[in-house]
Amino acid sequence: MDLRQMEVVVSVADAGGFTAAARRLHVVQSAVSSTVRALERELGTPLFDRTTHRVALTPAGEAFVPAARAALRAAELAREAVDAVRGQLRGG
């Protein structure tokens, strides 16, 4: 599993669907679906219940999304920490 997959799943959960998530991520809907399917295969369980008119998180998805949000935030903080050190090294 990677950060991009987490970002896609969180986006689908936030947007309420694959098409809306694709718009937010500036990718085609099939790329979003493929990414989610690959992660679901890796995890061995579906993260979303899909019907023709809606998408809802499964219990596994409900557990995954907060952890994915935390991982994405941690990655962002790590990047910011490195950027701050780089700035100090350049400016120092």
PDB file of N, CA and C in Angstrom:
ATOM      1  N   MET A   1       0.851  -1.165   0.000  1.00  0.00           N
ATOM      2  CA  MET A   1       0.000   0.000   0.000  1.00  0.00           C
ATOM      3  C   MET A   1       0.897   1.228   0.000  1.00  0.00           C
ATOM      4  N   ASP A   2       0.454   2.258  -0.693  1.00  0.00           N
ATOM      5  CA  ASP A   2       1.247   3.481  -0.741  1.00  0.00           C
ATOM      6  C   ASP A   2       0.375   4.707  -0.465  1.00  0.00           C
ATOM      7  N   LEU A   3       1.040   5.838  -0.314  1.00  0.00           N
ATOM      8  CA  LEU A   3       0.313   7.066   0.027  1.00  0.00           C
ATOM      9  C   LEU A   3      -0.692   7.459  -1.046  1.00  0.00           C
ATOM     10  N   ARG A   4      -0.350   7.224  -2.299  1.00  0.00           N
ATOM     11  CA  ARG A   4      -1.272   7.579  -3.380  1.00  0.00           C
ATOM     12  C   ARG A   4      -2.573   6.789  -3.260  1.00  0.00           C
ATOM     13  N   GLN A   5      -2.470   5.511  -2.970  1.00  0.00           N
ATOM     14  CA  GLN A   5      -3.676   4.702  -2.795  1.00  0.00           C
ATOM     15  C   GLN A   5      -4.514   5.230  -1.633  1.00  0.00           C
ATOM     16  N   MET A   6      -3.841   5.587  -0.549  1.00  0.00           N
ATOM     17  CA  MET A   6      -4.569   6.146   0.593  1.00  0.00           C
ATOM     18  C   MET A   6      -5.263   7.438   0.210  1.00  0.00           C
ATOM     19  N   GLU A   7      -4.552   8.289  -0.526  1.00  0.00           N
ATOM     20  CA  GLU A   7      -5.129   9.560  -0.960  1.00  0.00           C
ATOM     21  C   GLU A   7      -6.371   9.335  -1.815  1.00  0.00           C
ATOM     22  N   VAL A   8      -6.325   8.352  -2.692  1.00  0.00           N
ATOM     23  CA  VAL A   8      -7.468   8.065  -3.563  1.00  0.00           C
ATOM     24  C   VAL A   8      -8.658   7.574  -2.741  1.00  0.00           C
ATOM     25  N   VAL A   9      -8.423   6.658  -1.814  1.00  0.00           N
ATOM     26  CA  VAL A   9      -9.525   6.140  -0.990  1.00  0.00           C
ATOM     27  C   VAL A   9     -10.148   7.263  -0.163  1.00  0.00           C
ATOM     28  N   VAL A  10      -9.328   8.095   0.454  1.00  0.00           N
ATOM     29  CA  VAL A  10      -9.846   9.220   1.239  1.00  0.00           C
ATOM     30  C   VAL A  10     -10.640  10.163   0.344  1.00  0.00           C
ATOM     31  N   SER A  11     -10.160  10.381  -0.858  1.00  0.00           N
ATOM     32  CA  SER A  11     -10.857  11.257  -1.800  1.00  0.00           C
ATOM     33  C   SER A  11     -12.226  10.694  -2.182  1.00  0.00           C
ATOM     34  N   VAL A  12     -12.290   9.398  -2.440  1.00  0.00           N
ATOM     35  CA  VAL A  12     -13.573   8.772  -2.772  1.00  0.00           C
ATOM     36  C   VAL A  12     -14.528   8.903  -1.582  1.00  0.00           C
ATOM     37  N   ALA A  13     -14.025   8.652  -0.381  1.00  0.00           N
ATOM     38  CA  ALA A  13     -14.867   8.763   0.814  1.00  0.00           C
ATOM     39  C   ALA A  13     -15.368  10.197   0.990  1.00  0.00           C
ATOM     40  N   ASP A  14     -14.484  11.169   0.813  1.00  0.00           N
ATOM     41  CA  ASP A  14     -14.859  12.574   0.989  1.00  0.00           C
ATOM     42  C   ASP A  14     -15.812  13.057  -0.100  1.00  0.00           C
ATOM     43  N   ALA A  15     -15.546  12.641  -1.327  1.00  0.00           N
ATOM     44  CA  ALA A  15     -16.344  13.105  -2.464  1.00  0.00           C
ATOM     45  C   ALA A  15     -17.670  12.354  -2.585  1.00  0.00           C
ATOM     46  N   GLY A  16     -17.746  11.183  -1.986  1.00  0.00           N
ATOM     47  CA  GLY A  16     -18.970  10.398  -2.056  1.00  0.00           C
ATOM     48  C   GLY A  16     -19.108   9.571  -3.311  1.00  0.00           C
ATOM     49  N   GLY A  17     -18.047   9.468  -4.084  1.00  0.00           N
ATOM     50  CA  GLY A  17     -18.114   8.660  -5.294  1.00  0.00           C
ATOM     51  C   GLY A  17     -16.821   8.696  -6.083  1.00  0.00           C
ATOM     52  N   PHE A  18     -16.713   7.772  -7.001  1.00  0.00           N
ATOM     53  CA  PHE A  18     -15.502   7.619  -7.805  1.00  0.00           C
ATOM     54  C   PHE A  18     -15.347   8.739  -8.831  1.00  0.00           C
ATOM     55  N   THR A  19     -16.430   9.128  -9.458  1.00  0.00           N
ATOM     56  CA  THR A  19     -16.354  10.174 -10.479  1.00  0.00           C
ATOM     57  C   THR A  19     -15.983  11.513  -9.855  1.00  0.00           C
ATOM     58  N   ALA A  20     -16.623  11.852  -8.751  1.00  0.00           N
ATOM     59  CA  ALA A  20     -16.312  13.115  -8.074  1.00  0.00           C
ATOM     60  C   ALA A  20     -14.876  13.113  -7.558  1.00  0.00           C
ATOM     61  N   ALA A  21     -14.420  11.975  -7.056  1.00  0.00           N
ATOM     62  CA  ALA A  21     -13.038  11.874  -6.585  1.00  0.00           C
ATOM     63  C   ALA A  21     -12.069  12.054  -7.753  1.00  0.00           C
ATOM     64  N   ALA A  22     -12.392  11.474  -8.880  1.00  0.00           N
ATOM     65  CA  ALA A  22     -11.534  11.614 -10.058  1.00  0.00           C
ATOM     66  C   ALA A  22     -11.414  13.075 -10.463  1.00  0.00           C
ATOM     67  N   ARG A  23     -12.525  13.792 -10.415  1.00  0.00           N
ATOM     68  CA  ARG A  23     -12.480  15.223 -10.734  1.00  0.00           C
ATOM     69  C   ARG A  23     -11.570  15.965  -9.765  1.00  0.00           C
ATOM     70  N   ARG A  24     -11.710  15.681  -8.485  1.00  0.00           N
ATOM     71  CA  ARG A  24     -10.882  16.339  -7.464  1.00  0.00           C
ATOM     72  C   ARG A  24      -9.398  16.035  -7.650  1.00  0.00           C
ATOM     73  N   LEU A  25      -9.106  14.803  -8.054  1.00  0.00           N
ATOM     74  CA  LEU A  25      -7.712  14.366  -8.196  1.00  0.00           C
ATOM     75  C   LEU A  25      -7.143  14.655  -9.589  1.00  0.00           C
ATOM     76  N   HIS A  26      -8.005  15.139 -10.483  1.00  0.00           N
ATOM     77  CA  HIS A  26      -7.602  15.448 -11.865  1.00  0.00           C
ATOM     78  C   HIS A  26      -7.084  14.220 -12.605  1.00  0.00           C
ATOM     79  N   VAL A  27      -7.817  13.114 -12.439  1.00  0.00           N
ATOM     80  CA  VAL A  27      -7.509  11.875 -13.153  1.00  0.00           C
ATOM     81  C   VAL A  27      -8.810  11.320 -13.713  1.00  0.00           C
ATOM     82  N   VAL A  28      -8.701  10.307 -14.538  1.00  0.00           N
ATOM     83  CA  VAL A  28      -9.912   9.681 -15.080  1.00  0.00           C
ATOM     84  C   VAL A  28     -10.500   8.736 -14.036  1.00  0.00           C
ATOM     85  N   GLN A  29     -11.810   8.550 -14.129  1.00  0.00           N
ATOM     86  CA  GLN A  29     -12.521   7.730 -13.155  1.00  0.00           C
ATOM     87  C   GLN A  29     -11.995   6.300 -13.127  1.00  0.00           C
ATOM     88  N   SER A  30     -11.612   5.774 -14.270  1.00  0.00           N
ATOM     89  CA  SER A  30     -11.114   4.394 -14.299  1.00  0.00           C
ATOM     90  C   SER A  30      -9.819   4.243 -13.507  1.00  0.00           C
ATOM     91  N   ALA A  31      -9.014   5.283 -13.445  1.00  0.00           N
ATOM     92  CA  ALA A  31      -7.778   5.233 -12.650  1.00  0.00           C
ATOM     93  C   ALA A  31      -8.113   5.159 -11.163  1.00  0.00           C
ATOM     94  N   VAL A  32      -9.129   5.895 -10.742  1.00  0.00           N
ATOM     95  CA  VAL A  32      -9.562   5.854  -9.340  1.00  0.00           C
ATOM     96  C   VAL A  32     -10.082   4.462  -9.011  1.00  0.00           C
ATOM     97  N   SER A  33     -10.934   3.933  -9.857  1.00  0.00           N
ATOM     98  CA  SER A  33     -11.491   2.591  -9.629  1.00  0.00           C
ATOM     99  C   SER A  33     -10.402   1.537  -9.573  1.00  0.00           C
ATOM    100  N   SER A  34      -9.461   1.621 -10.481  1.00  0.00           N
ATOM    101  CA  SER A  34      -8.365   0.659 -10.535  1.00  0.00           C
ATOM    102  C   SER A  34      -7.498   0.731  -9.282  1.00  0.00           C
ATOM    103  N   THR A  35      -7.215   1.928  -8.838  1.00  0.00           N
ATOM    104  CA  THR A  35      -6.405   2.116  -7.627  1.00  0.00           C
ATOM    105  C   THR A  35      -7.101   1.528  -6.413  1.00  0.00           C
ATOM    106  N   VAL A  36      -8.388   1.811  -6.273  1.00  0.00           N
ATOM    107  CA  VAL A  36      -9.143   1.288  -5.132  1.00  0.00           C
ATOM    108  C   VAL A  36      -9.221  -0.233  -5.200  1.00  0.00           C
ATOM    109  N   ARG A  37      -9.497  -0.775  -6.371  1.00  0.00           N
ATOM    110  CA  ARG A  37      -9.571  -2.234  -6.518  1.00  0.00           C
ATOM    111  C   ARG A  37      -8.249  -2.901  -6.146  1.00  0.00           C
ATOM    112  N   ALA A  38      -7.138  -2.321  -6.588  1.00  0.00           N
ATOM    113  CA  ALA A  38      -5.818  -2.893  -6.278  1.00  0.00           C
ATOM    114  C   ALA A  38      -5.578  -2.897  -4.766  1.00  0.00           C
ATOM    115  N   LEU A  39      -5.937  -1.828  -4.102  1.00  0.00           N
ATOM    116  CA  LEU A  39      -5.750  -1.764  -2.653  1.00  0.00           C
ATOM    117  C   LEU A  39      -6.671  -2.756  -1.955  1.00  0.00           C
ATOM    118  N   GLU A  40      -7.910  -2.860  -2.413  1.00  0.00           N
ATOM    119  CA  GLU A  40      -8.842  -3.819  -1.825  1.00  0.00           C
ATOM    120  C   GLU A  40      -8.319  -5.248  -1.994  1.00  0.00           C
ATOM    121  N   ARG A  41      -7.738  -5.548  -3.145  1.00  0.00           N
ATOM    122  CA  ARG A  41      -7.144  -6.874  -3.354  1.00  0.00           C
ATOM    123  C   ARG A  41      -5.998  -7.102  -2.370  1.00  0.00           C
ATOM    124  N   GLU A  42      -5.160  -6.094  -2.213  1.00  0.00           N
ATOM    125  CA  GLU A  42      -4.023  -6.200  -1.298  1.00  0.00           C
ATOM    126  C   GLU A  42      -4.488  -6.414   0.148  1.00  0.00           C
ATOM    127  N   LEU A  43      -5.521  -5.691   0.546  1.00  0.00           N
ATOM    128  CA  LEU A  43      -6.041  -5.791   1.910  1.00  0.00           C
ATOM    129  C   LEU A  43      -6.919  -7.028   2.114  1.00  0.00           C
ATOM    130  N   GLY A  44      -7.414  -7.567   1.021  1.00  0.00           N
ATOM    131  CA  GLY A  44      -8.252  -8.763   1.095  1.00  0.00           C
ATOM    132  C   GLY A  44      -9.681  -8.500   1.507  1.00  0.00           C
ATOM    133  N   THR A  45     -10.126  -7.246   1.340  1.00  0.00           N
ATOM    134  CA  THR A  45     -11.503  -6.901   1.720  1.00  0.00           C
ATOM    135  C   THR A  45     -11.932  -5.633   0.992  1.00  0.00           C
ATOM    136  N   PRO A  46     -13.213  -5.515   0.689  1.00  0.00           N
ATOM    137  CA  PRO A  46     -13.679  -4.271   0.073  1.00  0.00           C
ATOM    138  C   PRO A  46     -13.697  -3.118   1.073  1.00  0.00           C
ATOM    139  N   LEU A  47     -13.380  -1.936   0.580  1.00  0.00           N
ATOM    140  CA  LEU A  47     -13.436  -0.725   1.391  1.00  0.00           C
ATOM    141  C   LEU A  47     -14.723   0.051   1.149  1.00  0.00           C
ATOM    142  N   PHE A  48     -15.360  -0.230   0.004  1.00  0.00           N
ATOM    143  CA  PHE A  48     -16.593   0.465  -0.363  1.00  0.00           C
ATOM    144  C   PHE A  48     -17.656  -0.528  -0.782  1.00  0.00           C
ATOM    145  N   ASP A  49     -18.908  -0.232  -0.410  1.00  0.00           N
ATOM    146  CA  ASP A  49     -20.076  -0.899  -0.979  1.00  0.00           C
ATOM    147  C   ASP A  49     -20.488  -0.049  -2.161  1.00  0.00           C
ATOM    148  N   ARG A  50     -20.550  -0.650  -3.315  1.00  0.00           N
ATOM    149  CA  ARG A  50     -20.881   0.089  -4.534  1.00  0.00           C
ATOM    150  C   ARG A  50     -22.256  -0.329  -5.020  1.00  0.00           C
ATOM    151  N   THR A  51     -23.102   0.656  -5.286  1.00  0.00           N
ATOM    152  CA  THR A  51     -24.361   0.410  -5.979  1.00  0.00           C
ATOM    153  C   THR A  51     -24.354   1.317  -7.204  1.00  0.00           C
ATOM    154  N   THR A  52     -25.369   1.226  -8.011  1.00  0.00           N
ATOM    155  CA  THR A  52     -25.378   2.038  -9.230  1.00  0.00           C
ATOM    156  C   THR A  52     -25.474   3.529  -8.931  1.00  0.00           C
ATOM    157  N   HIS A  53     -26.023   3.890  -7.776  1.00  0.00           N
ATOM    158  CA  HIS A  53     -26.234   5.307  -7.498  1.00  0.00           C
ATOM    159  C   HIS A  53     -25.467   5.859  -6.306  1.00  0.00           C
ATOM    160  N   ARG A  54     -24.762   4.984  -5.572  1.00  0.00           N
ATOM    161  CA  ARG A  54     -24.035   5.524  -4.427  1.00  0.00           C
ATOM    162  C   ARG A  54     -22.862   4.624  -4.046  1.00  0.00           C
ATOM    163  N   VAL A  55     -21.984   5.202  -3.264  1.00  0.00           N
ATOM    164  CA  VAL A  55     -20.823   4.491  -2.732  1.00  0.00           C
ATOM    165  C   VAL A  55     -20.805   4.753  -1.230  1.00  0.00           C
ATOM    166  N   ALA A  56     -20.633   3.708  -0.443  1.00  0.00           N
ATOM    167  CA  ALA A  56     -20.570   3.853   1.007  1.00  0.00           C
ATOM    168  C   ALA A  56     -19.405   3.023   1.537  1.00  0.00           C
ATOM    169  N   LEU A  57     -18.792   3.511   2.587  1.00  0.00           N
ATOM    170  CA  LEU A  57     -17.702   2.760   3.202  1.00  0.00           C
ATOM    171  C   LEU A  57     -18.224   1.495   3.867  1.00  0.00           C
ATOM    172  N   THR A  58     -17.482   0.425   3.720  1.00  0.00           N
ATOM    173  CA  THR A  58     -17.752  -0.803   4.469  1.00  0.00           C
ATOM    174  C   THR A  58     -17.178  -0.609   5.871  1.00  0.00           C
ATOM    175  N   PRO A  59     -17.417  -1.529   6.788  1.00  0.00           N
ATOM    176  CA  PRO A  59     -16.765  -1.425   8.092  1.00  0.00           C
ATOM    177  C   PRO A  59     -15.227  -1.361   7.973  1.00  0.00           C
ATOM    178  N   ALA A  60     -14.662  -2.109   7.043  1.00  0.00           N
ATOM    179  CA  ALA A  60     -13.215  -2.053   6.816  1.00  0.00           C
ATOM    180  C   ALA A  60     -12.818  -0.664   6.321  1.00  0.00           C
ATOM    181  N   GLY A  61     -13.621  -0.093   5.441  1.00  0.00           N
ATOM    182  CA  GLY A  61     -13.362   1.259   4.952  1.00  0.00           C
ATOM    183  C   GLY A  61     -13.460   2.288   6.054  1.00  0.00           C
ATOM    184  N   GLU A  62     -14.445   2.113   6.935  1.00  0.00           N
ATOM    185  CA  GLU A  62     -14.608   3.016   8.080  1.00  0.00           C
ATOM    186  C   GLU A  62     -13.377   2.976   8.981  1.00  0.00           C
ATOM    187  N   ALA A  63     -12.774   1.808   9.125  1.00  0.00           N
ATOM    188  CA  ALA A  63     -11.569   1.674   9.936  1.00  0.00           C
ATOM    189  C   ALA A  63     -10.348   2.226   9.200  1.00  0.00           C
ATOM    190  N   PHE A  64     -10.321   2.038   7.874  1.00  0.00           N
ATOM    191  CA  PHE A  64      -9.156   2.419   7.076  1.00  0.00           C
ATOM    192  C   PHE A  64      -9.011   3.929   6.906  1.00  0.00           C
ATOM    193  N   VAL A  65     -10.097   4.618   6.633  1.00  0.00           N
ATOM    194  CA  VAL A  65     -10.019   6.041   6.263  1.00  0.00           C
ATOM    195  C   VAL A  65      -9.373   6.908   7.347  1.00  0.00           C
ATOM    196  N   PRO A  66      -9.746   6.806   8.619  1.00  0.00           N
ATOM    197  CA  PRO A  66      -9.055   7.642   9.617  1.00  0.00           C
ATOM    198  C   PRO A  66      -7.556   7.336   9.710  1.00  0.00           C
ATOM    199  N   ALA A  67      -7.197   6.068   9.606  1.00  0.00           N
ATOM    200  CA  ALA A  67      -5.779   5.698   9.644  1.00  0.00           C
ATOM    201  C   ALA A  67      -5.054   6.237   8.415  1.00  0.00           C
ATOM    202  N   ALA A  68      -5.713   6.200   7.261  1.00  0.00           N
ATOM    203  CA  ALA A  68      -5.117   6.746   6.035  1.00  0.00           C
ATOM    204  C   ALA A  68      -4.950   8.254   6.150  1.00  0.00           C
ATOM    205  N   ARG A  69      -5.931   8.928   6.711  1.00  0.00           N
ATOM    206  CA  ARG A  69      -5.808  10.378   6.918  1.00  0.00           C
ATOM    207  C   ARG A  69      -4.596  10.693   7.803  1.00  0.00           C
ATOM    208  N   ALA A  70      -4.423   9.919   8.873  1.00  0.00           N
ATOM    209  CA  ALA A  70      -3.297  10.126   9.782  1.00  0.00           C
ATOM    210  C   ALA A  70      -1.966   9.884   9.064  1.00  0.00           C
ATOM    211  N   ALA A  71      -1.908   8.857   8.237  1.00  0.00           N
ATOM    212  CA  ALA A  71      -0.679   8.558   7.495  1.00  0.00           C
ATOM    213  C   ALA A  71      -0.364   9.674   6.499  1.00  0.00           C
ATOM    214  N   LEU A  72      -1.389  10.172   5.822  1.00  0.00           N
ATOM    215  CA  LEU A  72      -1.184  11.269   4.870  1.00  0.00           C
ATOM    216  C   LEU A  72      -0.716  12.528   5.586  1.00  0.00           C
ATOM    217  N   ARG A  73      -1.281  12.792   6.750  1.00  0.00           N
ATOM    218  CA  ARG A  73      -0.860  13.968   7.524  1.00  0.00           C
ATOM    219  C   ARG A  73       0.582  13.790   8.011  1.00  0.00           C
ATOM    220  N   ALA A  74       0.932  12.597   8.460  1.00  0.00           N
ATOM    221  CA  ALA A  74       2.299  12.326   8.912  1.00  0.00           C
ATOM    222  C   ALA A  74       3.288  12.516   7.762  1.00  0.00           C
ATOM    223  N   ALA A  75       2.939  12.083   6.577  1.00  0.00           N
ATOM    224  CA  ALA A  75       3.810  12.274   5.412  1.00  0.00           C
ATOM    225  C   ALA A  75       3.973  13.758   5.102  1.00  0.00           C
ATOM    226  N   GLU A  76       2.889  14.504   5.232  1.00  0.00           N
ATOM    227  CA  GLU A  76       2.944  15.947   5.007  1.00  0.00           C
ATOM    228  C   GLU A  76       3.855  16.626   6.040  1.00  0.00           C
ATOM    229  N   LEU A  77       3.735  16.224   7.291  1.00  0.00           N
ATOM    230  CA  LEU A  77       4.583  16.784   8.346  1.00  0.00           C
ATOM    231  C   LEU A  77       6.058  16.428   8.119  1.00  0.00           C
ATOM    232  N   ALA A  78       6.313  15.220   7.659  1.00  0.00           N
ATOM    233  CA  ALA A  78       7.690  14.813   7.370  1.00  0.00           C
ATOM    234  C   ALA A  78       8.279  15.671   6.260  1.00  0.00           C
ATOM    235  N   ARG A  79       7.493  15.915   5.238  1.00  0.00           N
ATOM    236  CA  ARG A  79       7.946  16.771   4.137  1.00  0.00           C
ATOM    237  C   ARG A  79       8.225  18.188   4.639  1.00  0.00           C
ATOM    238  N   GLU A  80       7.325  18.717   5.456  1.00  0.00           N
ATOM    239  CA  GLU A  80       7.509  20.065   6.005  1.00  0.00           C
ATOM    240  C   GLU A  80       8.767  20.145   6.870  1.00  0.00           C
ATOM    241  N   ALA A  81       9.043  19.099   7.647  1.00  0.00           N
ATOM    242  CA  ALA A  81      10.232  19.081   8.502  1.00  0.00           C
ATOM    243  C   ALA A  81      11.503  19.121   7.656  1.00  0.00           C
ATOM    244  N   VAL A  82      11.517  18.350   6.583  1.00  0.00           N
ATOM    245  CA  VAL A  82      12.679  18.349   5.692  1.00  0.00           C
ATOM    246  C   VAL A  82      12.810  19.697   4.994  1.00  0.00           C
ATOM    247  N   ASP A  83      11.713  20.248   4.548  1.00  0.00           N
ATOM    248  CA  ASP A  83      11.749  21.556   3.897  1.00  0.00           C
ATOM    249  C   ASP A  83      12.285  22.632   4.841  1.00  0.00           C
ATOM    250  N   ALA A  84      11.910  22.551   6.129  1.00  0.00           N
ATOM    251  CA  ALA A  84      12.388  23.529   7.103  1.00  0.00           C
ATOM    252  C   ALA A  84      13.896  23.394   7.293  1.00  0.00           C
ATOM    253  N   VAL A  85      14.391  22.183   7.363  1.00  0.00           N
ATOM    254  CA  VAL A  85      15.835  21.977   7.519  1.00  0.00           C
ATOM    255  C   VAL A  85      16.571  22.451   6.273  1.00  0.00           C
ATOM    256  N   ARG A  86      16.035  22.139   5.123  1.00  0.00           N
ATOM    257  CA  ARG A  86      16.672  22.604   3.876  1.00  0.00           C
ATOM    258  C   ARG A  86      16.736  24.113   3.846  1.00  0.00           C
ATOM    259  N   GLY A  87      15.679  24.777   4.299  1.00  0.00           N
ATOM    260  CA  GLY A  87      15.654  26.242   4.336  1.00  0.00           C
ATOM    261  C   GLY A  87      16.696  26.787   5.291  1.00  0.00           C
ATOM    262  N   GLN A  88      16.862  26.130   6.430  1.00  0.00           N
ATOM    263  CA  GLN A  88      17.874  26.572   7.403  1.00  0.00           C
ATOM    264  C   GLN A  88      19.286  26.376   6.836  1.00  0.00           C
ATOM    265  N   LEU A  89      19.484  25.267   6.140  1.00  0.00           N
ATOM    266  CA  LEU A  89      20.808  25.004   5.578  1.00  0.00           C
ATOM    267  C   LEU A  89      21.166  26.013   4.496  1.00  0.00           C
ATOM    268  N   ARG A  90      20.207  26.386   3.697  1.00  0.00           N
ATOM    269  CA  ARG A  90      20.437  27.379   2.633  1.00  0.00           C
ATOM    270  C   ARG A  90      20.626  28.775   3.216  1.00  0.00           C
ATOM    271  N   GLY A  91      19.791  29.103   4.202  1.00  0.00           N
ATOM    272  CA  GLY A  91      19.810  30.449   4.762  1.00  0.00           C
ATOM    273  C   GLY A  91      20.871  30.666   5.828  1.00  0.00           C
ATOM    274  N   GLY A  92      21.439  29.569   6.369  1.00  0.00           N
ATOM    275  CA  GLY A  92      22.342  29.642   7.490  1.00  0.00           C
ATOM    276  C   GLY A  92      23.710  29.994   7.114  1.00  0.00           C
TER     277      GLY A  92
END
